Amino acid sequence: MLLQLIAMNRIYDIICAWCIMFYKDSVFGYLHSGMFEEYEKINKRYLAYWILTYGIIRYMSKDRLVLCSTYIIEAFIFFNEYYIHNACKEYNTAFVSIFSLVIAYAIYRSK
């Protein structure tokens, strides 16, 4: 079950990044970019590059520590953007951060 969830999340990240870059009005593009209060077009593209980067790492890596680290970094960045910079929406940030930390913990505890 955990492996299937991780596999689906890998593909989801890559699709979201692709949609942010090329299909600006798509639902998948909005799922990540809609978390932020405001930003310029270049920031939206950088968000897509970042999502694509960790999506590809998650897709290609089989190492538990690497996979776990990508989720912890994702949670940290969203917490930072919300609590330090007030750049993210509260409930979206809480959901993504908690979800990422739960997956990181599940990966860490898996055998």
PDB file of N, CA and C in Angstrom:
ATOM      1  N   MET A   1       0.821  -1.197   0.000  1.00  0.00           N
ATOM      2  CA  MET A   1       0.000   0.000   0.000  1.00  0.00           C
ATOM      3  C   MET A   1       0.868   1.265   0.000  1.00  0.00           C
ATOM      4  N   LEU A   2       1.890   1.288   0.870  1.00  0.00           N
ATOM      5  CA  LEU A   2       2.779   2.446   0.932  1.00  0.00           C
ATOM      6  C   LEU A   2       3.490   2.662  -0.397  1.00  0.00           C
ATOM      7  N   LEU A   3       3.979   1.590  -0.991  1.00  0.00           N
ATOM      8  CA  LEU A   3       4.677   1.713  -2.272  1.00  0.00           C
ATOM      9  C   LEU A   3       3.759   2.241  -3.363  1.00  0.00           C
ATOM     10  N   GLN A   4       2.505   1.834  -3.341  1.00  0.00           N
ATOM     11  CA  GLN A   4       1.549   2.327  -4.331  1.00  0.00           C
ATOM     12  C   GLN A   4       1.274   3.816  -4.130  1.00  0.00           C
ATOM     13  N   LEU A   5       1.171   4.236  -2.860  1.00  0.00           N
ATOM     14  CA  LEU A   5       0.955   5.647  -2.561  1.00  0.00           C
ATOM     15  C   LEU A   5       2.143   6.483  -3.022  1.00  0.00           C
ATOM     16  N   ILE A   6       3.338   6.010  -2.756  1.00  0.00           N
ATOM     17  CA  ILE A   6       4.546   6.730  -3.180  1.00  0.00           C
ATOM     18  C   ILE A   6       4.617   6.784  -4.704  1.00  0.00           C
ATOM     19  N   ALA A   7       4.312   5.684  -5.364  1.00  0.00           N
ATOM     20  CA  ALA A   7       4.337   5.649  -6.833  1.00  0.00           C
ATOM     21  C   ALA A   7       3.330   6.641  -7.415  1.00  0.00           C
ATOM     22  N   MET A   8       2.136   6.690  -6.848  1.00  0.00           N
ATOM     23  CA  MET A   8       1.125   7.629  -7.331  1.00  0.00           C
ATOM     24  C   MET A   8       1.569   9.070  -7.075  1.00  0.00           C
ATOM     25  N   ASN A   9       2.200   9.329  -5.921  1.00  0.00           N
ATOM     26  CA  ASN A   9       2.652  10.675  -5.599  1.00  0.00           C
ATOM     27  C   ASN A   9       3.765  11.122  -6.529  1.00  0.00           C
ATOM     28  N   ARG A  10       4.637  10.206  -6.915  1.00  0.00           N
ATOM     29  CA  ARG A  10       5.718  10.537  -7.860  1.00  0.00           C
ATOM     30  C   ARG A  10       5.134  11.032  -9.178  1.00  0.00           C
ATOM     31  N   ILE A  11       4.198  10.280  -9.687  1.00  0.00           N
ATOM     32  CA  ILE A  11       3.581  10.622 -10.969  1.00  0.00           C
ATOM     33  C   ILE A  11       2.779  11.916 -10.844  1.00  0.00           C
ATOM     34  N   TYR A  12       2.064  12.061  -9.736  1.00  0.00           N
ATOM     35  CA  TYR A  12       1.281  13.274  -9.467  1.00  0.00           C
ATOM     36  C   TYR A  12       2.177  14.512  -9.481  1.00  0.00           C
ATOM     37  N   ASP A  13       3.339  14.444  -8.821  1.00  0.00           N
ATOM     38  CA  ASP A  13       4.258  15.584  -8.781  1.00  0.00           C
ATOM     39  C   ASP A  13       4.723  15.974 -10.177  1.00  0.00           C
ATOM     40  N   ILE A  14       5.065  14.997 -10.971  1.00  0.00           N
ATOM     41  CA  ILE A  14       5.548  15.271 -12.335  1.00  0.00           C
ATOM     42  C   ILE A  14       4.429  15.878 -13.179  1.00  0.00           C
ATOM     43  N   ILE A  15       3.215  15.354 -13.050  1.00  0.00           N
ATOM     44  CA  ILE A  15       2.074  15.895 -13.800  1.00  0.00           C
ATOM     45  C   ILE A  15       1.794  17.334 -13.370  1.00  0.00           C
ATOM     46  N   CYS A  16       1.805  17.593 -12.050  1.00  0.00           N
ATOM     47  CA  CYS A  16       1.553  18.955 -11.563  1.00  0.00           C
ATOM     48  C   CYS A  16       2.600  19.935 -12.079  1.00  0.00           C
ATOM     49  N   ALA A  17       3.859  19.545 -12.026  1.00  0.00           N
ATOM     50  CA  ALA A  17       4.922  20.425 -12.519  1.00  0.00           C
ATOM     51  C   ALA A  17       4.737  20.717 -14.005  1.00  0.00           C
ATOM     52  N   TRP A  18       4.446  19.697 -14.771  1.00  0.00           N
ATOM     53  CA  TRP A  18       4.235  19.849 -16.216  1.00  0.00           C
ATOM     54  C   TRP A  18       3.070  20.806 -16.485  1.00  0.00           C
ATOM     55  N   CYS A  19       1.988  20.647 -15.734  1.00  0.00           N
ATOM     56  CA  CYS A  19       0.818  21.499 -15.933  1.00  0.00           C
ATOM     57  C   CYS A  19       1.090  22.951 -15.544  1.00  0.00           C
ATOM     58  N   ILE A  20       1.865  23.175 -14.486  1.00  0.00           N
ATOM     59  CA  ILE A  20       2.208  24.554 -14.101  1.00  0.00           C
ATOM     60  C   ILE A  20       3.001  25.221 -15.220  1.00  0.00           C
ATOM     61  N   MET A  21       3.905  24.468 -15.829  1.00  0.00           N
ATOM     62  CA  MET A  21       4.753  25.047 -16.870  1.00  0.00           C
ATOM     63  C   MET A  21       4.017  25.254 -18.187  1.00  0.00           C
ATOM     64  N   PHE A  22       3.140  24.309 -18.560  1.00  0.00           N
ATOM     65  CA  PHE A  22       2.596  24.334 -19.919  1.00  0.00           C
ATOM     66  C   PHE A  22       1.081  24.505 -20.020  1.00  0.00           C
ATOM     67  N   TYR A  23       0.339  24.167 -18.989  1.00  0.00           N
ATOM     68  CA  TYR A  23      -1.119  24.257 -19.017  1.00  0.00           C
ATOM     69  C   TYR A  23      -1.576  25.097 -17.823  1.00  0.00           C
ATOM     70  N   LYS A  24      -1.450  26.385 -17.966  1.00  0.00           N
ATOM     71  CA  LYS A  24      -1.599  27.316 -16.857  1.00  0.00           C
ATOM     72  C   LYS A  24      -2.944  27.254 -16.133  1.00  0.00           C
ATOM     73  N   ASP A  25      -4.006  26.912 -16.811  1.00  0.00           N
ATOM     74  CA  ASP A  25      -5.331  26.920 -16.191  1.00  0.00           C
ATOM     75  C   ASP A  25      -5.819  25.528 -15.794  1.00  0.00           C
ATOM     76  N   SER A  26      -4.930  24.579 -15.713  1.00  0.00           N
ATOM     77  CA  SER A  26      -5.354  23.216 -15.386  1.00  0.00           C
ATOM     78  C   SER A  26      -5.521  23.026 -13.881  1.00  0.00           C
ATOM     79  N   VAL A  27      -6.330  22.061 -13.514  1.00  0.00           N
ATOM     80  CA  VAL A  27      -6.552  21.736 -12.109  1.00  0.00           C
ATOM     81  C   VAL A  27      -5.261  21.257 -11.468  1.00  0.00           C
ATOM     82  N   PHE A  28      -4.520  20.412 -12.146  1.00  0.00           N
ATOM     83  CA  PHE A  28      -3.271  19.897 -11.581  1.00  0.00           C
ATOM     84  C   PHE A  28      -2.258  21.008 -11.345  1.00  0.00           C
ATOM     85  N   GLY A  29      -2.216  21.979 -12.229  1.00  0.00           N
ATOM     86  CA  GLY A  29      -1.315  23.107 -12.032  1.00  0.00           C
ATOM     87  C   GLY A  29      -1.719  23.954 -10.844  1.00  0.00           C
ATOM     88  N   TYR A  30      -3.009  24.090 -10.640  1.00  0.00           N
ATOM     89  CA  TYR A  30      -3.501  24.921  -9.543  1.00  0.00           C
ATOM     90  C   TYR A  30      -3.317  24.253  -8.180  1.00  0.00           C
ATOM     91  N   LEU A  31      -3.287  22.931  -8.116  1.00  0.00           N
ATOM     92  CA  LEU A  31      -3.176  22.242  -6.836  1.00  0.00           C
ATOM     93  C   LEU A  31      -1.941  22.683  -6.049  1.00  0.00           C
ATOM     94  N   HIS A  32      -0.836  22.906  -6.719  1.00  0.00           N
ATOM     95  CA  HIS A  32       0.360  23.390  -6.041  1.00  0.00           C
ATOM     96  C   HIS A  32       0.422  24.919  -6.057  1.00  0.00           C
ATOM     97  N   SER A  33       0.239  25.514  -7.214  1.00  0.00           N
ATOM     98  CA  SER A  33       0.402  26.966  -7.313  1.00  0.00           C
ATOM     99  C   SER A  33      -0.686  27.712  -6.550  1.00  0.00           C
ATOM    100  N   GLY A  34      -1.849  27.110  -6.377  1.00  0.00           N
ATOM    101  CA  GLY A  34      -2.938  27.747  -5.653  1.00  0.00           C
ATOM    102  C   GLY A  34      -2.695  27.859  -4.164  1.00  0.00           C
ATOM    103  N   MET A  35      -1.651  27.222  -3.672  1.00  0.00           N
ATOM    104  CA  MET A  35      -1.329  27.296  -2.251  1.00  0.00           C
ATOM    105  C   MET A  35      -0.746  28.653  -1.865  1.00  0.00           C
ATOM    106  N   PHE A  36      -0.205  29.363  -2.826  1.00  0.00           N
ATOM    107  CA  PHE A  36       0.492  30.606  -2.548  1.00  0.00           C
ATOM    108  C   PHE A  36      -0.439  31.798  -2.732  1.00  0.00           C
ATOM    109  N   GLU A  37      -0.233  32.802  -1.909  1.00  0.00           N
ATOM    110  CA  GLU A  37      -1.068  33.993  -1.944  1.00  0.00           C
ATOM    111  C   GLU A  37      -0.880  34.774  -3.243  1.00  0.00           C
ATOM    112  N   GLU A  38       0.362  35.026  -3.606  1.00  0.00           N
ATOM    113  CA  GLU A  38       0.638  35.735  -4.851  1.00  0.00           C
ATOM    114  C   GLU A  38       2.087  35.505  -5.255  1.00  0.00           C
ATOM    115  N   TYR A  39       2.330  35.565  -6.510  1.00  0.00           N
ATOM    116  CA  TYR A  39       3.683  35.439  -7.017  1.00  0.00           C
ATOM    117  C   TYR A  39       3.695  35.809  -8.488  1.00  0.00           C
ATOM    118  N   GLU A  40       4.866  36.090  -8.973  1.00  0.00           N
ATOM    119  CA  GLU A  40       5.017  36.456 -10.370  1.00  0.00           C
ATOM    120  C   GLU A  40       5.138  35.207 -11.229  1.00  0.00           C
ATOM    121  N   LYS A  41       5.044  35.379 -12.527  1.00  0.00           N
ATOM    122  CA  LYS A  41       5.086  34.240 -13.445  1.00  0.00           C
ATOM    123  C   LYS A  41       6.381  33.434 -13.321  1.00  0.00           C
ATOM    124  N   ILE A  42       7.504  34.111 -13.149  1.00  0.00           N
ATOM    125  CA  ILE A  42       8.768  33.378 -13.056  1.00  0.00           C
ATOM    126  C   ILE A  42       8.792  32.514 -11.794  1.00  0.00           C
ATOM    127  N   ASN A  43       8.211  33.003 -10.713  1.00  0.00           N
ATOM    128  CA  ASN A  43       8.153  32.207  -9.488  1.00  0.00           C
ATOM    129  C   ASN A  43       7.298  30.962  -9.692  1.00  0.00           C
ATOM    130  N   LYS A  44       6.251  31.088 -10.470  1.00  0.00           N
ATOM    131  CA  LYS A  44       5.391  29.939 -10.772  1.00  0.00           C
ATOM    132  C   LYS A  44       6.183  28.879 -11.527  1.00  0.00           C
ATOM    133  N   ARG A  45       7.001  29.307 -12.462  1.00  0.00           N
ATOM    134  CA  ARG A  45       7.831  28.356 -13.207  1.00  0.00           C
ATOM    135  C   ARG A  45       8.856  27.705 -12.298  1.00  0.00           C
ATOM    136  N   TYR A  46       9.472  28.485 -11.403  1.00  0.00           N
ATOM    137  CA  TYR A  46      10.438  27.902 -10.472  1.00  0.00           C
ATOM    138  C   TYR A  46       9.774  26.901  -9.537  1.00  0.00           C
ATOM    139  N   LEU A  47       8.558  27.172  -9.142  1.00  0.00           N
ATOM    140  CA  LEU A  47       7.805  26.207  -8.347  1.00  0.00           C
ATOM    141  C   LEU A  47       7.641  24.911  -9.138  1.00  0.00           C
ATOM    142  N   ALA A  48       7.317  25.040 -10.400  1.00  0.00           N
ATOM    143  CA  ALA A  48       7.169  23.856 -11.248  1.00  0.00           C
ATOM    144  C   ALA A  48       8.483  23.096 -11.372  1.00  0.00           C
ATOM    145  N   TYR A  49       9.589  23.810 -11.522  1.00  0.00           N
ATOM    146  CA  TYR A  49      10.893  23.143 -11.627  1.00  0.00           C
ATOM    147  C   TYR A  49      11.219  22.391 -10.341  1.00  0.00           C
ATOM    148  N   TRP A  50      10.911  23.014  -9.210  1.00  0.00           N
ATOM    149  CA  TRP A  50      11.171  22.379  -7.914  1.00  0.00           C
ATOM    150  C   TRP A  50      10.321  21.114  -7.752  1.00  0.00           C
ATOM    151  N   ILE A  51       9.041  21.207  -8.081  1.00  0.00           N
ATOM    152  CA  ILE A  51       8.162  20.039  -7.984  1.00  0.00           C
ATOM    153  C   ILE A  51       8.635  18.945  -8.932  1.00  0.00           C
ATOM    154  N   LEU A  52       9.004  19.322 -10.139  1.00  0.00           N
ATOM    155  CA  LEU A  52       9.507  18.353 -11.104  1.00  0.00           C
ATOM    156  C   LEU A  52      10.774  17.681 -10.591  1.00  0.00           C
ATOM    157  N   THR A  53      11.658  18.445  -9.969  1.00  0.00           N
ATOM    158  CA  THR A  53      12.905  17.896  -9.434  1.00  0.00           C
ATOM    159  C   THR A  53      12.636  16.826  -8.390  1.00  0.00           C
ATOM    160  N   TYR A  54      11.826  17.146  -7.383  1.00  0.00           N
ATOM    161  CA  TYR A  54      11.611  16.120  -6.366  1.00  0.00           C
ATOM    162  C   TYR A  54      10.705  15.011  -6.866  1.00  0.00           C
ATOM    163  N   GLY A  55       9.850  15.291  -7.829  1.00  0.00           N
ATOM    164  CA  GLY A  55       9.045  14.223  -8.427  1.00  0.00           C
ATOM    165  C   GLY A  55       9.915  13.211  -9.158  1.00  0.00           C
ATOM    166  N   ILE A  56      10.895  13.692  -9.907  1.00  0.00           N
ATOM    167  CA  ILE A  56      11.811  12.799 -10.623  1.00  0.00           C
ATOM    168  C   ILE A  56      12.693  12.029  -9.645  1.00  0.00           C
ATOM    169  N   ILE A  57      13.171  12.699  -8.603  1.00  0.00           N
ATOM    170  CA  ILE A  57      13.973  12.000  -7.595  1.00  0.00           C
ATOM    171  C   ILE A  57      13.145  10.889  -6.961  1.00  0.00           C
ATOM    172  N   ARG A  58      11.911  11.189  -6.630  1.00  0.00           N
ATOM    173  CA  ARG A  58      11.034  10.171  -6.032  1.00  0.00           C
ATOM    174  C   ARG A  58      10.751   9.041  -7.012  1.00  0.00           C
ATOM    175  N   TYR A  59      10.650   9.370  -8.277  1.00  0.00           N
ATOM    176  CA  TYR A  59      10.368   8.363  -9.297  1.00  0.00           C
ATOM    177  C   TYR A  59      11.558   7.438  -9.522  1.00  0.00           C
ATOM    178  N   MET A  60      12.761   7.993  -9.492  1.00  0.00           N
ATOM    179  CA  MET A  60      13.944   7.222  -9.843  1.00  0.00           C
ATOM    180  C   MET A  60      14.625   6.541  -8.664  1.00  0.00           C
ATOM    181  N   SER A  61      14.460   7.091  -7.466  1.00  0.00           N
ATOM    182  CA  SER A  61      15.204   6.567  -6.323  1.00  0.00           C
ATOM    183  C   SER A  61      14.460   5.424  -5.635  1.00  0.00           C
ATOM    184  N   LYS A  62      15.209   4.457  -5.205  1.00  0.00           N
ATOM    185  CA  LYS A  62      14.681   3.358  -4.405  1.00  0.00           C
ATOM    186  C   LYS A  62      15.229   3.426  -2.976  1.00  0.00           C
ATOM    187  N   ASP A  63      16.103   4.381  -2.729  1.00  0.00           N
ATOM    188  CA  ASP A  63      16.729   4.539  -1.424  1.00  0.00           C
ATOM    189  C   ASP A  63      15.745   5.194  -0.453  1.00  0.00           C
ATOM    190  N   ARG A  64      15.473   4.536   0.674  1.00  0.00           N
ATOM    191  CA  ARG A  64      14.502   5.041   1.639  1.00  0.00           C
ATOM    192  C   ARG A  64      14.908   6.395   2.218  1.00  0.00           C
ATOM    193  N   LEU A  65      16.186   6.573   2.492  1.00  0.00           N
ATOM    194  CA  LEU A  65      16.644   7.839   3.068  1.00  0.00           C
ATOM    195  C   LEU A  65      16.444   8.999   2.094  1.00  0.00           C
ATOM    196  N   VAL A  66      16.735   8.772   0.835  1.00  0.00           N
ATOM    197  CA  VAL A  66      16.535   9.811  -0.182  1.00  0.00           C
ATOM    198  C   VAL A  66      15.053  10.140  -0.305  1.00  0.00           C
ATOM    199  N   LEU A  67      14.217   9.115  -0.415  1.00  0.00           N
ATOM    200  CA  LEU A  67      12.776   9.342  -0.533  1.00  0.00           C
ATOM    201  C   LEU A  67      12.229  10.081   0.688  1.00  0.00           C
ATOM    202  N   CYS A  68      12.603   9.611   1.850  1.00  0.00           N
ATOM    203  CA  CYS A  68      12.166  10.230   3.103  1.00  0.00           C
ATOM    204  C   CYS A  68      12.595  11.697   3.153  1.00  0.00           C
ATOM    205  N   SER A  69      13.815  11.979   2.746  1.00  0.00           N
ATOM    206  CA  SER A  69      14.346  13.346   2.775  1.00  0.00           C
ATOM    207  C   SER A  69      13.559  14.288   1.876  1.00  0.00           C
ATOM    208  N   THR A  70      13.124  13.815   0.719  1.00  0.00           N
ATOM    209  CA  THR A  70      12.372  14.702  -0.183  1.00  0.00           C
ATOM    210  C   THR A  70      11.064  15.145   0.460  1.00  0.00           C
ATOM    211  N   TYR A  71      10.428  14.252   1.186  1.00  0.00           N
ATOM    212  CA  TYR A  71       9.166  14.613   1.845  1.00  0.00           C
ATOM    213  C   TYR A  71       9.397  15.541   3.032  1.00  0.00           C
ATOM    214  N   ILE A  72      10.468  15.332   3.770  1.00  0.00           N
ATOM    215  CA  ILE A  72      10.786  16.215   4.902  1.00  0.00           C
ATOM    216  C   ILE A  72      11.130  17.614   4.395  1.00  0.00           C
ATOM    217  N   ILE A  73      11.902  17.698   3.323  1.00  0.00           N
ATOM    218  CA  ILE A  73      12.249  18.999   2.740  1.00  0.00           C
ATOM    219  C   ILE A  73      10.996  19.709   2.237  1.00  0.00           C
ATOM    220  N   GLU A  74      10.112  18.966   1.587  1.00  0.00           N
ATOM    221  CA  GLU A  74       8.864  19.562   1.098  1.00  0.00           C
ATOM    222  C   GLU A  74       8.056  20.151   2.265  1.00  0.00           C
ATOM    223  N   ALA A  75       7.912  19.395   3.337  1.00  0.00           N
ATOM    224  CA  ALA A  75       7.170  19.885   4.506  1.00  0.00           C
ATOM    225  C   ALA A  75       7.839  21.120   5.099  1.00  0.00           C
ATOM    226  N   PHE A  76       9.161  21.070   5.237  1.00  0.00           N
ATOM    227  CA  PHE A  76       9.907  22.198   5.795  1.00  0.00           C
ATOM    228  C   PHE A  76       9.701  23.456   4.959  1.00  0.00           C
ATOM    229  N   ILE A  77       9.785  23.342   3.653  1.00  0.00           N
ATOM    230  CA  ILE A  77       9.663  24.511   2.785  1.00  0.00           C
ATOM    231  C   ILE A  77       8.275  25.136   2.902  1.00  0.00           C
ATOM    232  N   PHE A  78       7.235  24.296   2.913  1.00  0.00           N
ATOM    233  CA  PHE A  78       5.892  24.861   3.032  1.00  0.00           C
ATOM    234  C   PHE A  78       5.657  25.483   4.409  1.00  0.00           C
ATOM    235  N   PHE A  79       6.152  24.831   5.475  1.00  0.00           N
ATOM    236  CA  PHE A  79       6.072  25.445   6.806  1.00  0.00           C
ATOM    237  C   PHE A  79       6.783  26.790   6.807  1.00  0.00           C
ATOM    238  N   ASN A  80       7.970  26.845   6.235  1.00  0.00           N
ATOM    239  CA  ASN A  80       8.757  28.079   6.181  1.00  0.00           C
ATOM    240  C   ASN A  80       8.016  29.169   5.414  1.00  0.00           C
ATOM    241  N   GLU A  81       7.466  28.820   4.271  1.00  0.00           N
ATOM    242  CA  GLU A  81       6.756  29.810   3.459  1.00  0.00           C
ATOM    243  C   GLU A  81       5.523  30.347   4.181  1.00  0.00           C
ATOM    244  N   TYR A  82       4.876  29.507   4.969  1.00  0.00           N
ATOM    245  CA  TYR A  82       3.699  29.977   5.703  1.00  0.00           C
ATOM    246  C   TYR A  82       4.086  30.758   6.959  1.00  0.00           C
ATOM    247  N   TYR A  83       4.893  30.164   7.816  1.00  0.00           N
ATOM    248  CA  TYR A  83       5.169  30.765   9.119  1.00  0.00           C
ATOM    249  C   TYR A  83       6.159  31.928   9.085  1.00  0.00           C
ATOM    250  N   ILE A  84       7.111  31.886   8.190  1.00  0.00           N
ATOM    251  CA  ILE A  84       8.115  32.949   8.125  1.00  0.00           C
ATOM    252  C   ILE A  84       7.721  34.043   7.135  1.00  0.00           C
ATOM    253  N   HIS A  85       7.235  33.629   5.968  1.00  0.00           N
ATOM    254  CA  HIS A  85       6.987  34.589   4.893  1.00  0.00           C
ATOM    255  C   HIS A  85       5.507  34.883   4.643  1.00  0.00           C
ATOM    256  N   ASN A  86       4.605  34.187   5.315  1.00  0.00           N
ATOM    257  CA  ASN A  86       3.155  34.356   5.104  1.00  0.00           C
ATOM    258  C   ASN A  86       2.784  34.283   3.627  1.00  0.00           C
ATOM    259  N   ALA A  87       3.410  33.363   2.907  1.00  0.00           N
ATOM    260  CA  ALA A  87       3.208  33.273   1.467  1.00  0.00           C
ATOM    261  C   ALA A  87       2.262  32.150   1.054  1.00  0.00           C
ATOM    262  N   CYS A  88       1.887  31.288   1.989  1.00  0.00           N
ATOM    263  CA  CYS A  88       1.011  30.159   1.670  1.00  0.00           C
ATOM    264  C   CYS A  88      -0.277  30.244   2.467  1.00  0.00           C
ATOM    265  N   LYS A  89      -1.278  29.560   1.960  1.00  0.00           N
ATOM    266  CA  LYS A  89      -2.558  29.487   2.657  1.00  0.00           C
ATOM    267  C   LYS A  89      -2.464  28.472   3.791  1.00  0.00           C
ATOM    268  N   GLU A  90      -3.074  28.812   4.915  1.00  0.00           N
ATOM    269  CA  GLU A  90      -2.917  28.033   6.141  1.00  0.00           C
ATOM    270  C   GLU A  90      -3.335  26.573   5.995  1.00  0.00           C
ATOM    271  N   TYR A  91      -4.546  26.322   5.542  1.00  0.00           N
ATOM    272  CA  TYR A  91      -5.048  24.945   5.507  1.00  0.00           C
ATOM    273  C   TYR A  91      -4.339  24.101   4.453  1.00  0.00           C
ATOM    274  N   ASN A  92      -4.029  24.704   3.325  1.00  0.00           N
ATOM    275  CA  ASN A  92      -3.277  23.981   2.293  1.00  0.00           C
ATOM    276  C   ASN A  92      -1.903  23.591   2.816  1.00  0.00           C
ATOM    277  N   THR A  93      -1.252  24.535   3.483  1.00  0.00           N
ATOM    278  CA  THR A  93       0.080  24.284   4.034  1.00  0.00           C
ATOM    279  C   THR A  93       0.031  23.183   5.078  1.00  0.00           C
ATOM    280  N   ALA A  94      -0.945  23.261   5.960  1.00  0.00           N
ATOM    281  CA  ALA A  94      -1.062  22.240   7.011  1.00  0.00           C
ATOM    282  C   ALA A  94      -1.287  20.861   6.399  1.00  0.00           C
ATOM    283  N   PHE A  95      -2.174  20.777   5.421  1.00  0.00           N
ATOM    284  CA  PHE A  95      -2.463  19.487   4.799  1.00  0.00           C
ATOM    285  C   PHE A  95      -1.229  18.900   4.118  1.00  0.00           C
ATOM    286  N   VAL A  96      -0.595  19.684   3.263  1.00  0.00           N
ATOM    287  CA  VAL A  96       0.563  19.194   2.517  1.00  0.00           C
ATOM    288  C   VAL A  96       1.707  18.846   3.462  1.00  0.00           C
ATOM    289  N   SER A  97       1.961  19.687   4.441  1.00  0.00           N
ATOM    290  CA  SER A  97       3.070  19.445   5.363  1.00  0.00           C
ATOM    291  C   SER A  97       2.842  18.193   6.205  1.00  0.00           C
ATOM    292  N   ILE A  98       1.651  18.057   6.746  1.00  0.00           N
ATOM    293  CA  ILE A  98       1.356  16.865   7.556  1.00  0.00           C
ATOM    294  C   ILE A  98       1.376  15.613   6.689  1.00  0.00           C
ATOM    295  N   PHE A  99       0.779  15.678   5.505  1.00  0.00           N
ATOM    296  CA  PHE A  99       0.778  14.546   4.583  1.00  0.00           C
ATOM    297  C   PHE A  99       2.210  14.140   4.233  1.00  0.00           C
ATOM    298  N   SER A 100       3.065  15.112   3.941  1.00  0.00           N
ATOM    299  CA  SER A 100       4.459  14.833   3.593  1.00  0.00           C
ATOM    300  C   SER A 100       5.204  14.185   4.755  1.00  0.00           C
ATOM    301  N   LEU A 101       4.983  14.691   5.964  1.00  0.00           N
ATOM    302  CA  LEU A 101       5.661  14.123   7.136  1.00  0.00           C
ATOM    303  C   LEU A 101       5.163  12.707   7.453  1.00  0.00           C
ATOM    304  N   VAL A 102       3.886  12.459   7.253  1.00  0.00           N
ATOM    305  CA  VAL A 102       3.352  11.106   7.459  1.00  0.00           C
ATOM    306  C   VAL A 102       3.966  10.137   6.456  1.00  0.00           C
ATOM    307  N   ILE A 103       4.061  10.546   5.201  1.00  0.00           N
ATOM    308  CA  ILE A 103       4.690   9.678   4.193  1.00  0.00           C
ATOM    309  C   ILE A 103       6.164   9.462   4.530  1.00  0.00           C
ATOM    310  N   ALA A 104       6.858  10.521   4.935  1.00  0.00           N
ATOM    311  CA  ALA A 104       8.278  10.388   5.310  1.00  0.00           C
ATOM    312  C   ALA A 104       8.435   9.395   6.453  1.00  0.00           C
ATOM    313  N   TYR A 105       7.585   9.490   7.447  1.00  0.00           N
ATOM    314  CA  TYR A 105       7.648   8.568   8.584  1.00  0.00           C
ATOM    315  C   TYR A 105       7.343   7.141   8.139  1.00  0.00           C
ATOM    316  N   ALA A 106       6.349   6.985   7.294  1.00  0.00           N
ATOM    317  CA  ALA A 106       5.989   5.643   6.806  1.00  0.00           C
ATOM    318  C   ALA A 106       7.134   5.028   5.993  1.00  0.00           C
ATOM    319  N   ILE A 107       7.788   5.834   5.183  1.00  0.00           N
ATOM    320  CA  ILE A 107       8.931   5.346   4.415  1.00  0.00           C
ATOM    321  C   ILE A 107      10.056   4.957   5.363  1.00  0.00           C
ATOM    322  N   TYR A 108      10.317   5.801   6.331  1.00  0.00           N
ATOM    323  CA  TYR A 108      11.395   5.542   7.296  1.00  0.00           C
ATOM    324  C   TYR A 108      11.146   4.239   8.062  1.00  0.00           C
ATOM    325  N   ARG A 109       9.902   3.991   8.433  1.00  0.00           N
ATOM    326  CA  ARG A 109       9.568   2.805   9.230  1.00  0.00           C
ATOM    327  C   ARG A 109       9.378   1.540   8.394  1.00  0.00           C
ATOM    328  N   SER A 110       9.264   1.679   7.077  1.00  0.00           N
ATOM    329  CA  SER A 110       9.041   0.506   6.218  1.00  0.00           C
ATOM    330  C   SER A 110      10.312  -0.312   6.094  1.00  0.00           C
ATOM    331  N   LYS A 111      10.140  -1.561   5.756  1.00  0.00           N
ATOM    332  CA  LYS A 111      11.297  -2.464   5.621  1.00  0.00           C
ATOM    333  C   LYS A 111      11.553  -2.801   4.180  1.00  0.00           C
TER     334      LYS A 111
END
